[in-house]
């Protein structure tokens, strides 16, 4: 409990937290004072004869009731808006940390990130709201204890009728408020969709982090604004319905006290006891008990969030956006010397190499090897997607280091074997529509791909192989000098596979691209400039008949 309260203070800020505490205390005290006012008014009835209420007492009662309603509503609005702000503050903070991390740093944290974004922060904001109810319920419970000796059950049925009316009034606008929540839910789905785009396409974002930040800035921020509006609107709508029900409920109680009790000859003390104990005390105790499981859940949630924040804070945050991308004309050669690469964790280490290898401008290079020989691991090491234990990488005869790594990554466009297609052209500020259509025609998918006015690509009709073609087309539009294809042709039908090797590779080479292709298609090995084989962690160059 104490740990949860400390975290709530941290989330709200000391000033806002104590403001809410004071409002909660004020609300509880005013509610208590309202009961005392009623008790006092009824106490001036002598000998069961109704006493004409003084205007001063009436105005005092109205003042106390008005202050209570104001404090309760103001407190609830503060908590609703603050909770929504806290929710999105946590989410944007986590996404920013993810985008600034490298693929190696984030790949094993994806489930934790999703849980933190979609579940944990919601629980944290929920408990922030319930904590205020805890304060108010506690104050009311203490007030109830003062009057508990006056409990009477004679007017129980009348009180139940009043309660039913109050519940009906509370639910009167439920449909409207539920519609707002439905709209907010649609935005939550959009948010989850964009998060999955970032996480599933993180290899591509690792190569070009600008893609991820554009999704954040141009999509997630707008989703945040809409979700904030609809959630706030819905919750305030529920709050207003609750307040209207409470107002009418208190009017009903006052009517009972000043009229019905006189007409049916029931003592005022009995009426006060029943109304107060059954409505305030029982509801307050139920609220207090009902909060206990939520606080227990919050404790676990806070622990998970702290672990996630600690892990993300340990990232190097060096996945930076490159201000200036490398153009095709600027690329001359890529070379690795004595490169030892692989993967490692706390219990095991896998490494292959050393590799000595090079790629020259406008070359088409094939890499072959048996499954598990290390082809993908080697290529991933060029991209920073697998660990480099020793050796060096050179771009244009300059060693690649942390200082020029963003520029180095900007020279690549990659179609992974499990490539993810970003269906929005956010990072193509001025993409060449004519070139795009020519590529679609070259790859024979022009009749199955459309782009709407918001630059959203509709590719629902594409097969797996055709989606690979679209992915390559989008990578070609980036106009980066080096294209990497990880078994790209494996999902193509025999006709198009032949067209790719015998026609398309030559076209791309003439356009200035340098191509690295991992492939098992032995029958097309003649259609490259050089071919390498990786076997038992060693790379060797093979002879081939160069096409013309």
Foldseek 3Di string as FASTA:
>chain_A
DVVLVVVLCVLCPVVRVVVLLVLLVLLLVLVLVLLVLLVVLLVPDPPLDFDPDDVVSVVVNVVSVVSNLVSVLVSLLSLLLSLLVSLVVQQVVLLLLVLLFACVLCVVCVVLNVCLNPPLSVLSSVLSNLVSLLSSLVSLQVSLVVLQVLEACPCVVVLVVLVVQLVCLLCVCVVVLVVLVVQLVVLVVQLVVLVCLCNVQVLQCLLAVVVSVLCCVVPVVVSSVSNSVSSSVSVSVSVVSNSVSVVVSVVVLVCCQNPVCSVVVNRNSNSSNHNSCVPRNVVSVVSNVVCVVSVVVSVVSVVSVVVSVVSSVPGPSLSDHDPDEDFLVNFFKKWWDQWKWFADDPPDTDIFDDETDMFGWLFEEEEEEDPPLCPVRVVCVQSVNTGTPDTFMDTPNHTDDSVCNSRSSSLEDEQAPSHDDDQAPSPCPPFDPVLLLVLCVLLVCNVQWDADPRRGIHRVPDDPLVVLSVSVSVSVSSNRQEYEYEQSCVPPDPVVSCCCQPPVSVVVSVVTHTYYYYHDPVVSPQSTDWYWYRGNRYIDTDDHNHDD
